[in-house]
């Protein structure tokens, strides 16, 4: 009998505690305004705003080709698409030579060499590689058509793309012709994307 009374008592205490914890805790978040005639009440409005996610689609790598016999440089366009729900500004942050190929070029100003007369050693050493925005259909008015040369460490603010717009970039280069074998070379292109 004592066991049953003990169980009943424990059950009643548990039920009482559960009913207390189930009560809403509005008292701390409410105010009561009282008075006669006209009274006012203040309610603080607290907003929570999430940042917009910037989403850009661009290629992971792009290959160029130099054909000394034809004196041609070929490369596909670098296509950049703004998937963000707002316009973004695009900057070419840097273009730099990278290791990993059979040659690691030294980037120089395009006017610094007589490119067609470079000997074998200098052809394998120097290049003037650049990138620039092309086409005017998708870029906002006032975009830059200047070439960002790898020899210049200063970032180039190109312009803005509206939401859903696609902009194109083209590679360009000045180079020697006296290559004695097939070689490979690498560069890194870094873009910066920021809301307008």
C-alpha atoms as a PDB file:
ATOM      1  CA  UNK A   1       0.000   0.000   0.000  1.00  0.00           C
ATOM      2  CA  UNK A   2       2.829   2.337   0.847  1.00  0.00           C
ATOM      3  CA  UNK A   3       4.375   1.617  -2.550  1.00  0.00           C
ATOM      4  CA  UNK A   4       1.156   2.614  -4.302  1.00  0.00           C
ATOM      5  CA  UNK A   5       0.864   5.835  -2.297  1.00  0.00           C
ATOM      6  CA  UNK A   6       4.498   6.625  -3.077  1.00  0.00           C
ATOM      7  CA  UNK A   7       3.939   6.008  -6.797  1.00  0.00           C
ATOM      8  CA  UNK A   8       0.754   8.102  -6.775  1.00  0.00           C
ATOM      9  CA  UNK A   9       2.539  10.937  -4.987  1.00  0.00           C
ATOM     10  CA  UNK A  10       5.500  10.787  -7.424  1.00  0.00           C
ATOM     11  CA  UNK A  11       3.095  10.782 -10.369  1.00  0.00           C
ATOM     12  CA  UNK A  12       1.242  13.846  -9.040  1.00  0.00           C
ATOM     13  CA  UNK A  13       4.495  15.776  -8.568  1.00  0.00           C
ATOM     14  CA  UNK A  14       5.660  14.835 -12.068  1.00  0.00           C
ATOM     15  CA  UNK A  15       2.312  15.931 -13.565  1.00  0.00           C
ATOM     16  CA  UNK A  16       2.494  19.240 -11.679  1.00  0.00           C
ATOM     17  CA  UNK A  17       6.039  19.937 -12.937  1.00  0.00           C
ATOM     18  CA  UNK A  18       5.112  19.078 -16.522  1.00  0.00           C
ATOM     19  CA  UNK A  19       2.105  21.377 -16.446  1.00  0.00           C
ATOM     20  CA  UNK A  20       4.266  24.248 -15.162  1.00  0.00           C
ATOM     21  CA  UNK A  21       6.845  23.785 -17.920  1.00  0.00           C
ATOM     22  CA  UNK A  22       4.109  23.692 -20.569  1.00  0.00           C
ATOM     23  CA  UNK A  23       2.910  27.231 -19.713  1.00  0.00           C
ATOM     24  CA  UNK A  24       3.991  29.836 -22.291  1.00  0.00           C
ATOM     25  CA  UNK A  25       6.637  32.270 -21.124  1.00  0.00           C
ATOM     26  CA  UNK A  26       5.043  35.423 -22.488  1.00  0.00           C
ATOM     27  CA  UNK A  27       5.143  37.437 -19.286  1.00  0.00           C
ATOM     28  CA  UNK A  28       8.779  38.517 -19.744  1.00  0.00           C
ATOM     29  CA  UNK A  29       8.133  39.672 -23.353  1.00  0.00           C
ATOM     30  CA  UNK A  30       4.975  41.729 -22.776  1.00  0.00           C
ATOM     31  CA  UNK A  31       4.169  45.155 -21.431  1.00  0.00           C
ATOM     32  CA  UNK A  32       0.940  46.562 -20.048  1.00  0.00           C
ATOM     33  CA  UNK A  33       0.167  50.209 -20.799  1.00  0.00           C
ATOM     34  CA  UNK A  34      -2.363  51.808 -18.462  1.00  0.00           C
ATOM     35  CA  UNK A  35      -3.807  55.262 -17.981  1.00  0.00           C
ATOM     36  CA  UNK A  36      -6.830  57.389 -18.692  1.00  0.00           C
ATOM     37  CA  UNK A  37      -7.825  59.262 -21.810  1.00  0.00           C
ATOM     38  CA  UNK A  38      -5.253  58.504 -24.483  1.00  0.00           C
ATOM     39  CA  UNK A  39      -2.235  56.304 -23.798  1.00  0.00           C
ATOM     40  CA  UNK A  40       0.601  55.082 -25.986  1.00  0.00           C
ATOM     41  CA  UNK A  41       2.465  51.845 -26.180  1.00  0.00           C
ATOM     42  CA  UNK A  42       5.866  51.135 -27.726  1.00  0.00           C
ATOM     43  CA  UNK A  43       6.751  47.898 -29.496  1.00  0.00           C
ATOM     44  CA  UNK A  44      10.365  47.317 -30.585  1.00  0.00           C
ATOM     45  CA  UNK A  45      10.555  45.725 -34.042  1.00  0.00           C
ATOM     46  CA  UNK A  46      13.692  43.598 -34.444  1.00  0.00           C
ATOM     47  CA  UNK A  47      14.598  42.419 -37.945  1.00  0.00           C
ATOM     48  CA  UNK A  48      16.925  39.632 -38.987  1.00  0.00           C
ATOM     49  CA  UNK A  49      18.415  39.998 -42.477  1.00  0.00           C
ATOM     50  CA  UNK A  50      20.492  37.290 -44.132  1.00  0.00           C
ATOM     51  CA  UNK A  51      23.267  38.151 -46.597  1.00  0.00           C
ATOM     52  CA  UNK A  52      22.654  37.549 -50.302  1.00  0.00           C
ATOM     53  CA  UNK A  53      24.669  34.633 -51.663  1.00  0.00           C
ATOM     54  CA  UNK A  54      26.890  35.611 -54.589  1.00  0.00           C
ATOM     55  CA  UNK A  55      26.866  32.846 -57.215  1.00  0.00           C
ATOM     56  CA  UNK A  56      29.045  33.019 -60.336  1.00  0.00           C
ATOM     57  CA  UNK A  57      29.660  30.324 -62.948  1.00  0.00           C
ATOM     58  CA  UNK A  58      33.049  30.368 -64.714  1.00  0.00           C
ATOM     59  CA  UNK A  59      35.423  27.777 -66.202  1.00  0.00           C
ATOM     60  CA  UNK A  60      37.899  25.946 -63.979  1.00  0.00           C
ATOM     61  CA  UNK A  61      40.615  26.110 -66.626  1.00  0.00           C
ATOM     62  CA  UNK A  62      41.189  27.484 -70.109  1.00  0.00           C
ATOM     63  CA  UNK A  63      43.859  26.358 -72.577  1.00  0.00           C
ATOM     64  CA  UNK A  64      45.677  28.570 -75.064  1.00  0.00           C
ATOM     65  CA  UNK A  65      47.889  27.568 -77.973  1.00  0.00           C
ATOM     66  CA  UNK A  66      50.817  29.334 -79.640  1.00  0.00           C
ATOM     67  CA  UNK A  67      51.625  28.318 -83.205  1.00  0.00           C
ATOM     68  CA  UNK A  68      54.974  29.910 -84.177  1.00  0.00           C
ATOM     69  CA  UNK A  69      54.748  28.852 -87.843  1.00  0.00           C
ATOM     70  CA  UNK A  70      51.467  30.713 -88.267  1.00  0.00           C
ATOM     71  CA  UNK A  71      52.303  33.395 -85.677  1.00  0.00           C
ATOM     72  CA  UNK A  72      48.931  32.686 -84.059  1.00  0.00           C
ATOM     73  CA  UNK A  73      47.673  32.669 -80.502  1.00  0.00           C
ATOM     74  CA  UNK A  74      44.324  30.927 -79.948  1.00  0.00           C
ATOM     75  CA  UNK A  75      42.188  30.599 -76.823  1.00  0.00           C
ATOM     76  CA  UNK A  76      38.480  30.199 -76.161  1.00  0.00           C
ATOM     77  CA  UNK A  77      36.505  32.971 -74.482  1.00  0.00           C
ATOM     78  CA  UNK A  78      36.307  32.876 -70.710  1.00  0.00           C
ATOM     79  CA  UNK A  79      32.559  32.957 -70.036  1.00  0.00           C
ATOM     80  CA  UNK A  80      31.340  34.325 -66.689  1.00  0.00           C
ATOM     81  CA  UNK A  81      27.640  34.099 -65.703  1.00  0.00           C
ATOM     82  CA  UNK A  82      26.079  35.964 -62.785  1.00  0.00           C
ATOM     83  CA  UNK A  83      23.615  33.632 -61.021  1.00  0.00           C
ATOM     84  CA  UNK A  84      23.168  36.091 -58.137  1.00  0.00           C
ATOM     85  CA  UNK A  85      19.778  37.752 -57.608  1.00  0.00           C
ATOM     86  CA  UNK A  86      21.449  41.172 -57.926  1.00  0.00           C
ATOM     87  CA  UNK A  87      24.082  42.792 -60.135  1.00  0.00           C
ATOM     88  CA  UNK A  88      27.746  42.108 -59.336  1.00  0.00           C
ATOM     89  CA  UNK A  89      30.928  44.044 -60.035  1.00  0.00           C
ATOM     90  CA  UNK A  90      33.743  42.021 -61.587  1.00  0.00           C
ATOM     91  CA  UNK A  91      37.423  42.800 -61.121  1.00  0.00           C
ATOM     92  CA  UNK A  92      40.416  41.025 -62.612  1.00  0.00           C
ATOM     93  CA  UNK A  93      42.361  40.730 -59.384  1.00  0.00           C
ATOM     94  CA  UNK A  94      45.480  39.115 -60.832  1.00  0.00           C
ATOM     95  CA  UNK A  95      46.956  37.171 -63.712  1.00  0.00           C
ATOM     96  CA  UNK A  96      50.238  35.506 -62.830  1.00  0.00           C
ATOM     97  CA  UNK A  97      52.593  32.858 -64.184  1.00  0.00           C
ATOM     98  CA  UNK A  98      52.456  29.558 -62.307  1.00  0.00           C
ATOM     99  CA  UNK A  99      54.703  26.542 -62.063  1.00  0.00           C
ATOM    100  CA  UNK A 100      53.706  23.107 -63.271  1.00  0.00           C
ATOM    101  CA  UNK A 101      54.405  23.374 -66.993  1.00  0.00           C
ATOM    102  CA  UNK A 102      57.615  22.609 -68.813  1.00  0.00           C
ATOM    103  CA  UNK A 103      58.173  26.391 -68.994  1.00  0.00           C
ATOM    104  CA  UNK A 104      57.485  29.057 -66.378  1.00  0.00           C
ATOM    105  CA  UNK A 105      57.247  32.319 -68.291  1.00  0.00           C
ATOM    106  CA  UNK A 106      58.298  35.714 -66.998  1.00  0.00           C
ATOM    107  CA  UNK A 107      55.480  38.151 -67.772  1.00  0.00           C
ATOM    108  CA  UNK A 108      56.624  41.462 -69.225  1.00  0.00           C
ATOM    109  CA  UNK A 109      54.990  44.569 -70.660  1.00  0.00           C
ATOM    110  CA  UNK A 110      53.900  43.917 -74.274  1.00  0.00           C
ATOM    111  CA  UNK A 111      55.946  46.871 -75.560  1.00  0.00           C
ATOM    112  CA  UNK A 112      59.145  45.792 -73.809  1.00  0.00           C
ATOM    113  CA  UNK A 113      60.321  43.289 -76.429  1.00  0.00           C
ATOM    114  CA  UNK A 114      60.711  42.967 -80.197  1.00  0.00           C
ATOM    115  CA  UNK A 115      58.719  39.761 -80.126  1.00  0.00           C
ATOM    116  CA  UNK A 116      59.408  38.500 -83.678  1.00  0.00           C
ATOM    117  CA  UNK A 117      63.165  38.719 -83.148  1.00  0.00           C
ATOM    118  CA  UNK A 118      63.466  36.912 -79.802  1.00  0.00           C
ATOM    119  CA  UNK A 119      65.988  34.069 -79.794  1.00  0.00           C
ATOM    120  CA  UNK A 120      65.282  30.558 -78.484  1.00  0.00           C
ATOM    121  CA  UNK A 121      66.232  31.288 -74.849  1.00  0.00           C
ATOM    122  CA  UNK A 122      64.155  34.494 -74.684  1.00  0.00           C
ATOM    123  CA  UNK A 123      61.175  32.931 -76.494  1.00  0.00           C
ATOM    124  CA  UNK A 124      61.080  30.291 -73.762  1.00  0.00           C
ATOM    125  CA  UNK A 125      61.470  32.919 -71.034  1.00  0.00           C
ATOM    126  CA  UNK A 126      59.203  35.889 -71.853  1.00  0.00           C
ATOM    127  CA  UNK A 127      55.524  36.378 -72.627  1.00  0.00           C
ATOM    128  CA  UNK A 128      53.048  39.234 -72.400  1.00  0.00           C
ATOM    129  CA  UNK A 129      49.765  37.559 -71.471  1.00  0.00           C
ATOM    130  CA  UNK A 130      46.642  39.638 -70.970  1.00  0.00           C
ATOM    131  CA  UNK A 131      42.893  39.338 -70.450  1.00  0.00           C
ATOM    132  CA  UNK A 132      40.104  41.774 -71.296  1.00  0.00           C
ATOM    133  CA  UNK A 133      36.310  41.960 -71.327  1.00  0.00           C
ATOM    134  CA  UNK A 134      34.734  41.693 -74.763  1.00  0.00           C
ATOM    135  CA  UNK A 135      31.250  42.175 -76.185  1.00  0.00           C
ATOM    136  CA  UNK A 136      28.925  44.895 -75.011  1.00  0.00           C
ATOM    137  CA  UNK A 137      25.535  43.155 -74.900  1.00  0.00           C
ATOM    138  CA  UNK A 138      25.650  41.919 -71.296  1.00  0.00           C
ATOM    139  CA  UNK A 139      28.018  44.332 -69.577  1.00  0.00           C
ATOM    140  CA  UNK A 140      26.541  47.408 -67.891  1.00  0.00           C
ATOM    141  CA  UNK A 141      27.247  50.727 -69.589  1.00  0.00           C
ATOM    142  CA  UNK A 142      30.740  51.995 -68.807  1.00  0.00           C
ATOM    143  CA  UNK A 143      32.537  48.644 -68.566  1.00  0.00           C
ATOM    144  CA  UNK A 144      36.283  48.650 -69.189  1.00  0.00           C
ATOM    145  CA  UNK A 145      37.704  47.220 -72.404  1.00  0.00           C
ATOM    146  CA  UNK A 146      41.283  47.723 -71.156  1.00  0.00           C
ATOM    147  CA  UNK A 147      43.609  44.728 -71.177  1.00  0.00           C
ATOM    148  CA  UNK A 148      44.898  43.530 -67.824  1.00  0.00           C
ATOM    149  CA  UNK A 149      48.461  42.410 -68.507  1.00  0.00           C
ATOM    150  CA  UNK A 150      49.995  39.796 -66.235  1.00  0.00           C
ATOM    151  CA  UNK A 151      53.020  42.063 -65.802  1.00  0.00           C
ATOM    152  CA  UNK A 152      50.838  44.639 -63.995  1.00  0.00           C
ATOM    153  CA  UNK A 153      49.954  43.661 -60.396  1.00  0.00           C
ATOM    154  CA  UNK A 154      47.254  46.357 -60.129  1.00  0.00           C
ATOM    155  CA  UNK A 155      43.709  44.882 -60.186  1.00  0.00           C
ATOM    156  CA  UNK A 156      41.463  46.020 -63.061  1.00  0.00           C
ATOM    157  CA  UNK A 157      37.827  46.879 -62.272  1.00  0.00           C
ATOM    158  CA  UNK A 158      36.018  45.652 -65.383  1.00  0.00           C
ATOM    159  CA  UNK A 159      32.358  46.462 -64.754  1.00  0.00           C
ATOM    160  CA  UNK A 160      29.082  44.928 -63.656  1.00  0.00           C
ATOM    161  CA  UNK A 161      26.835  42.152 -64.875  1.00  0.00           C
ATOM    162  CA  UNK A 162      23.110  42.172 -64.116  1.00  0.00           C
ATOM    163  CA  UNK A 163      21.451  39.172 -62.522  1.00  0.00           C
ATOM    164  CA  UNK A 164      21.352  36.323 -65.039  1.00  0.00           C
ATOM    165  CA  UNK A 165      23.753  38.086 -67.447  1.00  0.00           C
ATOM    166  CA  UNK A 166      26.814  36.489 -69.039  1.00  0.00           C
ATOM    167  CA  UNK A 167      30.021  38.357 -69.816  1.00  0.00           C
ATOM    168  CA  UNK A 168      32.963  37.197 -71.907  1.00  0.00           C
ATOM    169  CA  UNK A 169      36.687  37.679 -71.487  1.00  0.00           C
ATOM    170  CA  UNK A 170      39.368  37.078 -74.100  1.00  0.00           C
ATOM    171  CA  UNK A 171      43.000  36.153 -73.620  1.00  0.00           C
ATOM    172  CA  UNK A 172      45.616  37.927 -75.707  1.00  0.00           C
ATOM    173  CA  UNK A 173      49.389  37.545 -75.852  1.00  0.00           C
ATOM    174  CA  UNK A 174      52.647  38.754 -77.318  1.00  0.00           C
ATOM    175  CA  UNK A 175      55.299  36.034 -77.542  1.00  0.00           C
ATOM    176  CA  UNK A 176      58.455  34.899 -79.271  1.00  0.00           C
ATOM    177  CA  UNK A 177      58.555  32.436 -82.156  1.00  0.00           C
ATOM    178  CA  UNK A 178      61.838  30.544 -81.667  1.00  0.00           C
ATOM    179  CA  UNK A 179      60.602  27.440 -79.862  1.00  0.00           C
ATOM    180  CA  UNK A 180      62.705  24.303 -80.429  1.00  0.00           C
ATOM    181  CA  UNK A 181      60.202  21.773 -79.028  1.00  0.00           C
ATOM    182  CA  UNK A 182      56.671  21.444 -77.697  1.00  0.00           C
ATOM    183  CA  UNK A 183      56.229  23.073 -74.296  1.00  0.00           C
ATOM    184  CA  UNK A 184      53.515  23.780 -71.754  1.00  0.00           C
ATOM    185  CA  UNK A 185      53.085  26.788 -69.476  1.00  0.00           C
ATOM    186  CA  UNK A 186      50.627  27.778 -66.765  1.00  0.00           C
ATOM    187  CA  UNK A 187      49.079  30.992 -65.463  1.00  0.00           C
ATOM    188  CA  UNK A 188      46.515  31.707 -62.744  1.00  0.00           C
ATOM    189  CA  UNK A 189      43.668  34.155 -63.357  1.00  0.00           C
ATOM    190  CA  UNK A 190      41.882  35.450 -60.247  1.00  0.00           C
ATOM    191  CA  UNK A 191      38.540  37.284 -60.432  1.00  0.00           C
ATOM    192  CA  UNK A 192      36.900  39.217 -57.612  1.00  0.00           C
ATOM    193  CA  UNK A 193      33.069  39.392 -57.489  1.00  0.00           C
ATOM    194  CA  UNK A 194      31.233  41.942 -55.329  1.00  0.00           C
ATOM    195  CA  UNK A 195      27.664  43.214 -55.093  1.00  0.00           C
ATOM    196  CA  UNK A 196      27.148  46.573 -56.845  1.00  0.00           C
END
